[in-house]
Amino acid sequence: MRLIDSHCHLEYERLIEDQPGVLARARAAGVSGMLNISTRRSEWDQVIATADREPDVWASVGIHPHEADAHADLGRDALLAATGRPKVIGIGESGLDYHYDKSDRAVQRDLFRTHIAVARETGLPIIIHTRDAEDDTAAILADEMEQGAFPALIHCFTASASFAGKVLELGLTISLSGIVTFKNAAALQDVARSIPADRLLIETDSPFLAPVPHRGRPCEPAFVRDTAAFVANLRGVSTEEIADTTAGNFFALFTKAAA
């Protein structure tokens, strides 16, 4: 069985204090790869350095929608330059968050399109965060796909079944976090059952959103095993099958990691 945590934040508080232990526990749980995600420009060097140091860790470069106002002038050149690093395999996370509105919505949309352009140019997948912004996210994705295809995934999926259908039709992949294990996640669990097997990923979003039975604790990449087991039960397959399928999907999407 091979497990991949397709989205974690190894530099964040509650993980960085014991990063060697976090990595050791993940490996002991059977996690063979972790994608370390950046959310602001000031993180890029540290996120990439961890990936450069650890053979089973990769990095992304991007700006979270919460940070959009502080990076309104970030152009494609900065992103493009960072993608040249060997362990940088993805763009993001980027997208739209209208739940907290920590950045101006127009700035979020413009920066989202900048990330998409770089994903299209480089062939590296864009890792999309979307919350309470289904209509605008779907509209931007559809518009941008008409201008030229690009690889993409919706991370930590919590949106509607209708939105799932729209992004799947556009060719995107959907990643499930520990939220799918929560007692109040019945609608998300229905979506999880219906995602085509070749378009499914799993993640932790560590240090957030620890799955059952770890609720109330800082989340770690090791816990992706619990999410895999829960999703496997939902879909009526073995944990080994979900682990192997999602790992294969990860390398099919993140081709730079496979290379």
Protein backbone atom coordinates (compact mmCIF):
# COMPACT_ATOMS: atom_id res chain seq x y z
CA MET A 1 0.00 0.00 0.00
CA ARG A 2 1.27 3.46 -0.88
CA LEU A 3 -0.25 6.61 0.58
CA ILE A 4 0.24 10.18 -0.65
CA ASP A 5 -0.79 13.24 1.34
CA SER A 6 -1.55 15.58 -1.54
CA HIS A 7 -1.84 18.74 0.60
CA CYS A 8 -0.13 19.64 3.87
CA HIS A 9 1.54 22.67 5.45
CA LEU A 10 4.71 21.36 7.07
CA GLU A 11 5.98 24.86 7.88
CA TYR A 12 2.89 25.89 9.85
CA GLU A 13 2.71 26.25 13.63
CA ARG A 14 1.92 22.94 15.35
CA LEU A 15 3.97 21.03 12.76
CA ILE A 16 7.16 23.05 12.33
CA GLU A 17 8.04 22.69 16.03
CA ASP A 18 8.48 18.93 15.55
CA GLN A 19 8.85 18.57 11.80
CA PRO A 20 11.27 15.60 12.01
CA GLY A 21 8.81 13.78 14.27
CA VAL A 22 5.88 14.65 12.00
CA LEU A 23 7.73 13.22 9.01
CA ALA A 24 8.80 10.10 10.91
CA ARG A 25 5.23 9.38 12.04
CA ALA A 26 3.96 9.84 8.50
CA ARG A 27 6.50 7.38 7.14
CA ALA A 28 5.69 4.89 9.89
CA ALA A 29 2.01 5.12 8.87
CA GLY A 30 2.90 4.20 5.29
CA VAL A 31 2.86 7.69 3.77
CA SER A 32 5.36 7.63 0.93
CA GLY A 33 4.94 11.20 -0.32
CA MET A 34 3.74 14.61 0.87
CA LEU A 35 3.05 17.82 -1.06
CA ASN A 36 4.08 20.80 1.08
CA ILE A 37 1.87 23.76 0.14
CA SER A 38 2.72 27.46 0.24
CA THR A 39 0.19 30.23 0.82
CA ARG A 40 2.27 33.43 0.68
CA ARG A 41 5.46 34.60 -1.02
CA SER A 42 7.43 34.74 2.23
CA GLU A 43 6.95 30.97 2.68
CA TRP A 44 8.26 29.84 -0.66
CA ASP A 45 11.93 29.50 0.25
CA GLN A 46 11.22 27.51 3.41
CA VAL A 47 8.64 25.27 1.75
CA ILE A 48 11.04 24.53 -1.10
CA ALA A 49 13.95 23.99 1.28
CA THR A 50 12.03 21.29 3.13
CA ALA A 51 11.25 19.58 -0.15
CA ASP A 52 14.87 19.84 -1.26
CA ARG A 53 15.99 18.26 2.01
CA GLU A 54 13.42 15.44 2.24
CA PRO A 55 13.27 12.89 -0.60
CA ASP A 56 9.56 12.14 -0.08
CA VAL A 57 8.38 15.78 0.09
CA TRP A 58 7.50 18.07 -2.82
CA ALA A 59 6.60 21.76 -2.86
CA SER A 60 4.09 24.16 -4.40
CA VAL A 61 4.37 27.91 -4.92
CA GLY A 62 1.37 30.19 -4.78
CA ILE A 63 -0.75 32.75 -2.96
CA HIS A 64 -3.82 31.82 -0.91
CA PRO A 65 -6.88 34.01 -1.54
CA HIS A 66 -6.65 35.27 2.06
CA GLU A 67 -3.26 36.74 1.13
CA ALA A 68 -4.31 38.23 -2.22
CA ASP A 69 -4.41 41.87 -1.11
CA ALA A 70 -0.82 41.64 0.14
CA HIS A 71 0.27 40.18 -3.22
CA ALA A 72 -1.91 42.17 -5.63
CA ASP A 73 1.14 43.08 -7.71
CA LEU A 74 2.53 39.54 -7.89
CA GLY A 75 2.97 38.80 -11.58
CA ARG A 76 3.47 35.61 -13.48
CA ASP A 77 7.23 36.07 -13.64
CA ALA A 78 7.73 35.42 -9.92
CA LEU A 79 5.69 32.25 -10.09
CA LEU A 80 7.38 31.11 -13.29
CA ALA A 81 10.83 31.60 -11.82
CA ALA A 82 9.99 29.52 -8.76
CA THR A 83 8.60 26.67 -10.84
CA GLY A 84 12.07 26.05 -12.18
CA ARG A 85 13.13 24.50 -8.88
CA PRO A 86 13.29 20.69 -9.23
CA LYS A 87 10.97 19.85 -6.31
CA VAL A 88 8.29 22.44 -7.16
CA ILE A 89 5.51 20.38 -8.74
CA GLY A 90 2.39 22.53 -8.35
CA ILE A 91 0.96 26.07 -8.40
CA GLY A 92 -0.96 27.26 -5.38
CA GLU A 93 -2.83 27.09 -3.34
CA SER A 94 -4.83 29.79 -5.06
CA GLY A 95 -8.49 30.48 -5.67
CA LEU A 96 -11.42 32.32 -4.12
CA ASP A 97 -12.64 32.59 -0.53
CA TYR A 98 -15.80 34.60 -0.06
CA HIS A 99 -16.49 33.13 3.39
CA TYR A 100 -13.98 35.27 5.28
CA ASP A 101 -13.40 37.94 2.59
CA LYS A 102 -9.91 38.63 3.93
CA SER A 103 -8.95 40.07 0.53
CA ASP A 104 -10.83 42.10 -2.04
CA ARG A 105 -12.80 39.76 -4.28
CA ALA A 106 -11.65 41.39 -7.51
CA VAL A 107 -8.02 41.04 -6.42
CA GLN A 108 -8.65 37.38 -5.58
CA ARG A 109 -10.10 36.77 -9.03
CA ASP A 110 -7.23 38.51 -10.83
CA LEU A 111 -4.58 36.61 -8.88
CA PHE A 112 -6.44 33.34 -9.44
CA ARG A 113 -6.27 33.92 -13.18
CA THR A 114 -2.54 34.69 -12.91
CA HIS A 115 -1.99 31.32 -11.24
CA ILE A 116 -4.05 29.59 -13.92
CA ALA A 117 -1.96 31.20 -16.64
CA VAL A 118 1.22 29.87 -15.06
CA ALA A 119 -0.32 26.42 -14.68
CA ARG A 120 -1.22 26.47 -18.37
CA GLU A 121 2.26 27.64 -19.38
CA THR A 122 4.20 25.20 -17.21
CA GLY A 123 1.88 22.20 -17.20
CA LEU A 124 2.04 22.14 -13.39
CA PRO A 125 -1.36 21.61 -11.74
CA ILE A 126 -3.03 24.51 -9.98
CA ILE A 127 -4.21 23.62 -6.48
CA ILE A 128 -7.50 25.44 -5.97
CA HIS A 129 -9.03 26.67 -2.72
CA THR A 130 -12.68 27.66 -3.01
CA ARG A 131 -15.10 28.50 -0.22
CA ASP A 132 -18.53 30.08 -0.62
CA ALA A 133 -17.49 31.04 -4.15
CA GLU A 134 -18.80 28.20 -6.30
CA ASP A 135 -20.35 30.32 -9.04
CA ASP A 136 -17.32 32.55 -9.60
CA THR A 137 -14.87 29.67 -9.32
CA ALA A 138 -16.78 27.59 -11.86
CA ALA A 139 -17.18 30.56 -14.22
CA ILE A 140 -13.48 31.44 -14.12
CA LEU A 141 -12.45 27.82 -14.65
CA ALA A 142 -14.79 27.43 -17.61
CA ASP A 143 -13.64 30.70 -19.16
CA GLU A 144 -9.97 29.88 -18.69
CA MET A 145 -10.37 26.35 -20.05
CA GLU A 146 -11.78 27.87 -23.24
CA GLN A 147 -8.51 29.80 -23.59
CA GLY A 148 -6.44 26.64 -23.24
CA ALA A 149 -6.51 23.56 -21.05
CA PHE A 150 -4.52 23.35 -17.82
CA PRO A 151 -4.24 20.69 -15.08
CA ALA A 152 -6.06 21.49 -11.86
CA LEU A 153 -7.60 20.10 -8.70
CA ILE A 154 -10.03 21.31 -6.07
CA HIS A 155 -8.34 20.74 -2.73
CA CYS A 156 -10.21 20.02 0.52
CA PHE A 157 -13.49 19.67 -1.37
CA THR A 158 -16.52 20.82 0.65
CA ALA A 159 -18.73 22.24 -2.11
CA SER A 160 -21.99 21.02 -3.59
CA ALA A 161 -22.63 18.00 -5.77
CA SER A 162 -23.54 20.41 -8.57
CA PHE A 163 -20.15 22.11 -8.32
CA ALA A 164 -18.44 18.71 -8.27
CA GLY A 165 -20.18 17.85 -11.51
CA LYS A 166 -19.08 21.12 -13.13
CA VAL A 167 -15.40 20.76 -12.23
CA LEU A 168 -15.32 17.09 -13.16
CA GLU A 169 -16.79 17.98 -16.56
CA LEU A 170 -13.96 20.50 -16.98
CA GLY A 171 -11.42 17.75 -16.32
CA LEU A 172 -10.42 18.62 -12.77
CA THR A 173 -9.52 16.25 -9.94
CA ILE A 174 -11.16 16.41 -6.49
CA SER A 175 -9.23 15.97 -3.24
CA LEU A 176 -10.91 14.92 0.01
CA SER A 177 -9.63 15.94 3.44
CA GLY A 178 -10.51 14.73 6.93
CA ILE A 179 -13.73 16.75 6.75
CA VAL A 180 -15.29 13.78 4.93
CA THR A 181 -15.08 11.79 8.19
CA PHE A 182 -17.05 14.33 10.23
CA LYS A 183 -20.51 13.37 11.53
CA ASN A 184 -22.16 16.39 9.89
CA ALA A 185 -20.63 15.71 6.45
CA ALA A 186 -23.37 13.53 4.97
CA ALA A 187 -23.66 15.59 1.77
CA LEU A 188 -19.91 15.51 1.24
CA GLN A 189 -19.90 11.78 1.86
CA ASP A 190 -22.45 11.38 -0.94
CA VAL A 191 -20.13 13.32 -3.26
CA ALA A 192 -17.20 11.17 -2.13
CA ARG A 193 -19.04 8.04 -3.21
CA SER A 194 -19.66 9.42 -6.69
CA ILE A 195 -16.24 10.83 -7.69
CA PRO A 196 -14.79 8.77 -10.53
CA ALA A 197 -11.96 6.61 -9.23
CA ASP A 198 -9.43 8.16 -11.60
CA ARG A 199 -10.22 11.72 -10.44
CA LEU A 200 -9.86 11.25 -6.69
CA LEU A 201 -7.13 12.38 -4.29
CA ILE A 202 -6.85 12.40 -0.49
CA GLU A 203 -5.12 14.92 1.76
CA THR A 204 -4.81 16.13 5.33
CA ASP A 205 -4.49 19.92 4.96
CA SER A 206 -2.31 19.56 8.08
CA PRO A 207 -2.26 21.04 10.66
CA PHE A 208 -6.00 21.64 10.15
CA LEU A 209 -9.05 19.39 9.96
CA ALA A 210 -7.87 16.26 11.72
CA PRO A 211 -10.06 13.32 10.72
CA VAL A 212 -11.94 11.04 13.07
CA PRO A 213 -10.56 9.59 15.39
CA HIS A 214 -8.09 12.46 15.86
CA ARG A 215 -10.56 15.35 16.23
CA GLY A 216 -9.27 18.08 18.51
CA ARG A 217 -5.62 17.36 17.78
CA PRO A 218 -3.30 19.08 15.31
CA CYS A 219 -3.59 17.21 12.05
CA GLU A 220 -0.52 15.43 10.65
CA PRO A 221 0.24 13.76 7.29
CA ALA A 222 0.12 10.38 9.06
CA PHE A 223 -3.63 10.86 9.46
CA VAL A 224 -4.20 10.59 5.71
CA ARG A 225 -4.37 6.86 6.39
CA ASP A 226 -7.54 7.39 8.45
CA THR A 227 -9.15 9.43 5.68
CA ALA A 228 -8.20 6.75 3.17
CA ALA A 229 -9.83 4.07 5.32
CA PHE A 230 -13.01 6.12 5.74
CA VAL A 231 -13.31 6.87 2.02
CA ALA A 232 -12.64 3.22 1.22
CA ASN A 233 -15.52 2.19 3.48
CA LEU A 234 -17.81 4.77 1.85
CA ARG A 235 -16.99 3.42 -1.59
CA GLY A 236 -17.08 -0.26 -0.64
CA VAL A 237 -13.45 -1.00 -1.44
CA SER A 238 -10.35 -1.77 0.60
CA THR A 239 -8.11 0.84 2.14
CA GLU A 240 -5.27 -0.57 0.05
CA GLU A 241 -7.25 0.05 -3.14
CA ILE A 242 -8.03 3.66 -2.22
CA ALA A 243 -4.42 4.28 -1.23
CA ASP A 244 -3.02 2.80 -4.43
CA THR A 245 -5.63 4.48 -6.64
CA THR A 246 -5.14 7.94 -5.15
CA ALA A 247 -1.36 7.59 -5.22
CA GLY A 248 -1.53 6.66 -8.89
CA ASN A 249 -3.82 9.61 -9.55
CA PHE A 250 -1.40 11.92 -7.77
CA PHE A 251 1.49 10.94 -10.02
CA ALA A 252 -0.70 11.05 -13.11
CA LEU A 253 -1.66 14.65 -12.26
CA PHE A 254 1.65 15.84 -10.80
CA THR A 255 3.78 14.50 -13.62
CA LYS A 256 6.88 16.37 -12.45
CA ALA A 257 6.82 14.31 -9.26
CA ALA A 258 6.52 11.13 -11.25
CA ALA A 259 9.49 12.11 -13.40
